[in-house]
N, C-alpha and C. Protein backbone atom coordinates (compact mmCIF):
# COMPACT_ATOMS: atom_id res chain seq x y z
N MET A 1 54.94 180.08 101.25
CA MET A 1 54.31 178.98 102.00
C MET A 1 53.73 179.52 103.36
N LEU A 2 54.50 180.32 104.04
CA LEU A 2 54.05 180.88 105.30
C LEU A 2 52.89 181.82 105.13
N LYS A 3 52.88 182.57 104.04
CA LYS A 3 51.82 183.51 103.77
C LYS A 3 50.54 182.78 103.51
N LYS A 4 50.58 181.65 102.78
CA LYS A 4 49.42 180.81 102.53
C LYS A 4 48.84 180.21 103.79
N ALA A 5 49.74 179.80 104.67
CA ALA A 5 49.27 179.23 105.96
C ALA A 5 48.56 180.28 106.79
N GLY A 6 49.08 181.52 106.77
CA GLY A 6 48.44 182.61 107.55
C GLY A 6 47.05 182.93 107.02
N ILE A 7 46.93 182.86 105.69
CA ILE A 7 45.60 183.20 105.07
C ILE A 7 44.59 182.12 105.44
N VAL A 8 45.02 180.86 105.38
CA VAL A 8 44.15 179.74 105.71
C VAL A 8 43.74 179.84 107.20
N ALA A 9 44.73 180.12 108.06
CA ALA A 9 44.40 180.21 109.51
C ALA A 9 43.45 181.36 109.75
N GLY A 10 43.64 182.52 109.05
CA GLY A 10 42.77 183.71 109.26
C GLY A 10 41.35 183.33 108.74
N ALA A 11 41.25 182.65 107.61
CA ALA A 11 39.91 182.31 107.13
C ALA A 11 39.18 181.35 108.05
N ALA A 12 39.98 180.40 108.65
CA ALA A 12 39.38 179.46 109.58
C ALA A 12 38.89 180.13 110.82
N ALA A 13 39.67 181.08 111.34
CA ALA A 13 39.30 181.82 112.52
C ALA A 13 38.08 182.69 112.25
N GLY A 14 37.98 183.28 111.11
CA GLY A 14 36.82 184.07 110.75
C GLY A 14 35.52 183.23 110.61
N LEU A 15 35.69 182.09 110.00
CA LEU A 15 34.51 181.19 109.91
C LEU A 15 34.10 180.69 111.30
N MET A 16 35.09 180.43 112.17
CA MET A 16 34.68 180.00 113.50
C MET A 16 33.97 181.04 114.26
N MET A 17 34.33 182.33 114.11
CA MET A 17 33.68 183.44 114.79
C MET A 17 32.24 183.63 114.24
N ILE A 18 32.06 183.47 112.96
CA ILE A 18 30.72 183.67 112.36
C ILE A 18 29.81 182.46 112.65
N GLY A 19 30.32 181.26 112.44
CA GLY A 19 29.46 180.10 112.58
C GLY A 19 29.56 179.34 113.90
N GLY A 20 30.31 179.94 114.84
CA GLY A 20 30.50 179.24 116.09
C GLY A 20 29.19 179.14 116.96
N THR A 21 28.32 180.05 116.80
CA THR A 21 27.11 179.99 117.66
C THR A 21 26.09 179.01 117.14
N ALA A 22 26.19 178.67 115.88
CA ALA A 22 25.21 177.73 115.30
C ALA A 22 25.42 176.34 115.95
N PHE A 23 26.59 176.00 116.28
CA PHE A 23 26.84 174.67 116.89
C PHE A 23 26.55 174.68 118.37
N ALA A 24 26.41 175.84 118.96
CA ALA A 24 26.19 175.94 120.40
C ALA A 24 24.65 175.96 120.75
N SER A 25 23.84 175.92 119.75
CA SER A 25 22.39 175.93 120.04
C SER A 25 21.97 174.67 120.74
N PRO A 26 21.02 174.84 121.71
CA PRO A 26 20.59 173.66 122.46
C PRO A 26 19.85 172.64 121.54
N ALA A 27 20.05 171.41 121.81
CA ALA A 27 19.38 170.35 121.05
C ALA A 27 18.41 169.62 121.97
N ALA A 28 17.35 169.12 121.41
CA ALA A 28 16.39 168.34 122.18
C ALA A 28 17.02 167.00 122.56
N THR A 29 17.03 166.69 123.80
CA THR A 29 17.65 165.45 124.25
C THR A 29 16.63 164.60 124.99
N GLN A 30 16.84 163.32 124.99
CA GLN A 30 15.97 162.33 125.66
C GLN A 30 16.80 161.84 126.83
N GLY A 31 16.15 161.54 127.91
CA GLY A 31 16.81 160.94 129.10
C GLY A 31 17.03 161.95 130.17
N ALA A 32 17.88 161.59 131.11
CA ALA A 32 18.17 162.42 132.25
C ALA A 32 19.14 163.56 131.91
N PRO A 33 18.74 164.77 131.97
CA PRO A 33 19.61 165.89 131.57
C PRO A 33 20.69 166.19 132.63
N ASP A 34 20.46 165.88 133.85
CA ASP A 34 21.42 166.21 134.91
C ASP A 34 22.26 164.97 135.21
N PRO A 35 23.56 165.13 135.38
CA PRO A 35 24.49 164.02 135.73
C PRO A 35 24.24 163.62 137.21
N THR A 36 24.52 162.38 137.53
CA THR A 36 24.44 161.96 138.93
C THR A 36 25.72 162.46 139.62
N PHE A 37 25.73 162.32 140.94
CA PHE A 37 26.95 162.70 141.72
C PHE A 37 28.11 161.81 141.34
N GLY A 38 27.85 160.48 141.15
CA GLY A 38 28.91 159.58 140.79
C GLY A 38 29.53 159.95 139.43
N ASP A 39 28.70 160.33 138.42
CA ASP A 39 29.18 160.71 137.13
C ASP A 39 30.03 161.97 137.23
N ALA A 40 29.51 162.93 137.99
CA ALA A 40 30.27 164.18 138.18
C ALA A 40 31.59 164.00 138.88
N TYR A 41 31.58 163.13 139.83
CA TYR A 41 32.82 162.82 140.59
C TYR A 41 33.88 162.13 139.71
N ALA A 42 33.42 161.17 138.91
CA ALA A 42 34.34 160.48 138.03
C ALA A 42 34.90 161.39 136.96
N THR A 43 34.10 162.29 136.42
CA THR A 43 34.53 163.28 135.46
C THR A 43 35.57 164.17 136.08
N PHE A 44 35.34 164.64 137.31
CA PHE A 44 36.25 165.50 138.02
C PHE A 44 37.62 164.81 138.24
N ILE A 45 37.59 163.55 138.68
CA ILE A 45 38.79 162.80 138.91
C ILE A 45 39.62 162.59 137.60
N GLU A 46 38.89 162.25 136.55
CA GLU A 46 39.57 162.08 135.22
C GLU A 46 40.12 163.36 134.73
N GLY A 47 39.42 164.47 134.90
CA GLY A 47 39.88 165.72 134.50
C GLY A 47 41.13 166.19 135.27
N GLY A 48 41.10 165.89 136.54
CA GLY A 48 42.31 166.21 137.41
C GLY A 48 43.51 165.47 136.97
N GLY A 49 43.30 164.19 136.64
CA GLY A 49 44.45 163.35 136.13
C GLY A 49 44.99 163.89 134.84
N ALA A 50 44.12 164.26 133.95
CA ALA A 50 44.53 164.80 132.63
C ALA A 50 45.25 166.14 132.82
N LEU A 51 44.76 166.98 133.72
CA LEU A 51 45.41 168.28 134.02
C LEU A 51 46.77 168.02 134.55
N GLY A 52 46.92 167.08 135.48
CA GLY A 52 48.17 166.78 136.05
C GLY A 52 49.18 166.25 135.08
N TYR A 53 48.71 165.39 134.16
CA TYR A 53 49.59 164.84 133.13
C TYR A 53 50.02 165.95 132.17
N GLY A 54 49.08 166.82 131.78
CA GLY A 54 49.41 167.93 130.91
C GLY A 54 50.44 168.88 131.52
N ALA A 55 50.23 169.22 132.79
CA ALA A 55 51.17 170.13 133.46
C ALA A 55 52.55 169.47 133.56
N ALA A 56 52.56 168.17 133.92
CA ALA A 56 53.85 167.47 134.02
C ALA A 56 54.56 167.41 132.69
N SER A 57 53.85 167.17 131.63
CA SER A 57 54.39 167.14 130.27
C SER A 57 54.95 168.51 129.85
N LEU A 58 54.22 169.53 130.20
CA LEU A 58 54.67 170.92 129.89
C LEU A 58 55.99 171.23 130.60
N VAL A 59 56.05 170.96 131.95
CA VAL A 59 57.18 171.23 132.70
C VAL A 59 58.41 170.42 132.23
N ALA A 60 58.17 169.11 131.94
CA ALA A 60 59.24 168.28 131.53
C ALA A 60 59.81 168.72 130.15
N GLY A 61 58.90 169.15 129.28
CA GLY A 61 59.31 169.59 127.95
C GLY A 61 60.15 170.91 128.05
N ALA A 62 59.68 171.78 128.89
CA ALA A 62 60.36 173.07 129.07
C ALA A 62 61.74 172.86 129.65
N TYR A 63 61.75 171.99 130.70
CA TYR A 63 63.08 171.78 131.37
C TYR A 63 64.05 171.10 130.36
N THR A 64 63.52 170.13 129.57
CA THR A 64 64.42 169.48 128.65
C THR A 64 64.91 170.44 127.61
N GLY A 65 64.03 171.33 127.10
CA GLY A 65 64.40 172.30 126.14
C GLY A 65 65.46 173.26 126.64
N ILE A 66 65.30 173.70 127.89
CA ILE A 66 66.20 174.64 128.49
C ILE A 66 67.59 173.97 128.73
N ALA A 67 67.52 172.69 129.14
CA ALA A 67 68.75 171.97 129.49
C ALA A 67 69.53 171.56 128.17
N LEU A 68 68.81 171.26 127.18
CA LEU A 68 69.49 170.78 125.93
C LEU A 68 69.82 171.83 124.91
N THR A 69 69.15 172.99 124.96
CA THR A 69 69.39 174.04 123.93
C THR A 69 70.83 174.43 123.74
N PRO A 70 71.52 174.73 124.86
CA PRO A 70 72.95 175.12 124.67
C PRO A 70 73.82 174.06 123.95
N ALA A 71 73.54 172.82 124.35
CA ALA A 71 74.33 171.74 123.67
C ALA A 71 74.01 171.54 122.20
N LEU A 72 72.70 171.77 121.91
CA LEU A 72 72.26 171.64 120.52
C LEU A 72 72.86 172.76 119.70
N VAL A 73 72.86 173.98 120.22
CA VAL A 73 73.42 175.12 119.53
C VAL A 73 74.92 174.91 119.31
N ALA A 74 75.58 174.48 120.34
CA ALA A 74 77.06 174.27 120.21
C ALA A 74 77.39 173.18 119.18
N HIS A 75 76.54 172.13 119.18
CA HIS A 75 76.77 171.02 118.28
C HIS A 75 76.48 171.49 116.83
N SER A 76 75.48 172.35 116.61
CA SER A 76 75.19 172.82 115.23
C SER A 76 76.34 173.72 114.77
N MET A 77 76.97 174.47 115.60
CA MET A 77 78.05 175.37 115.23
C MET A 77 79.25 174.53 114.88
N GLU A 78 79.45 173.47 115.56
CA GLU A 78 80.60 172.60 115.34
C GLU A 78 80.63 172.04 113.96
N HIS A 79 79.43 171.68 113.40
CA HIS A 79 79.33 171.13 112.08
C HIS A 79 79.61 172.17 110.99
N HIS A 80 79.25 173.40 111.25
CA HIS A 80 79.39 174.46 110.24
C HIS A 80 80.82 175.08 110.23
N HIS A 81 81.43 175.11 111.40
CA HIS A 81 82.70 175.78 111.54
C HIS A 81 83.86 174.88 111.81
N GLY A 82 83.64 173.53 111.84
CA GLY A 82 84.69 172.68 112.22
C GLY A 82 85.06 171.77 111.15
C-alpha cells in the first residue's frame, strides 16, 4: 500500500513539473489590472490574520503533542503489559 502511494505521489510531482508552466501563462483580462490601495490593504490584513492563525495552530499542536506524548506512550504500554 505504501509503495503504491509513493508511485502515485511521484507521478503527480512529475506531472506538476512538466505541466506546471502551462497554467502560469498570462491570460487576457478585462478591467483594471492593478488593485487599488484599499484592496491591497484588505488583502494584507486578511493574510496577516491567516498567518497568525496558522502559526498559533502550529504552536498549539506541537505543544499539545509534546505534552501528551509521554502519557499516551505510557497508556499504550499499560494495555499491552498490564
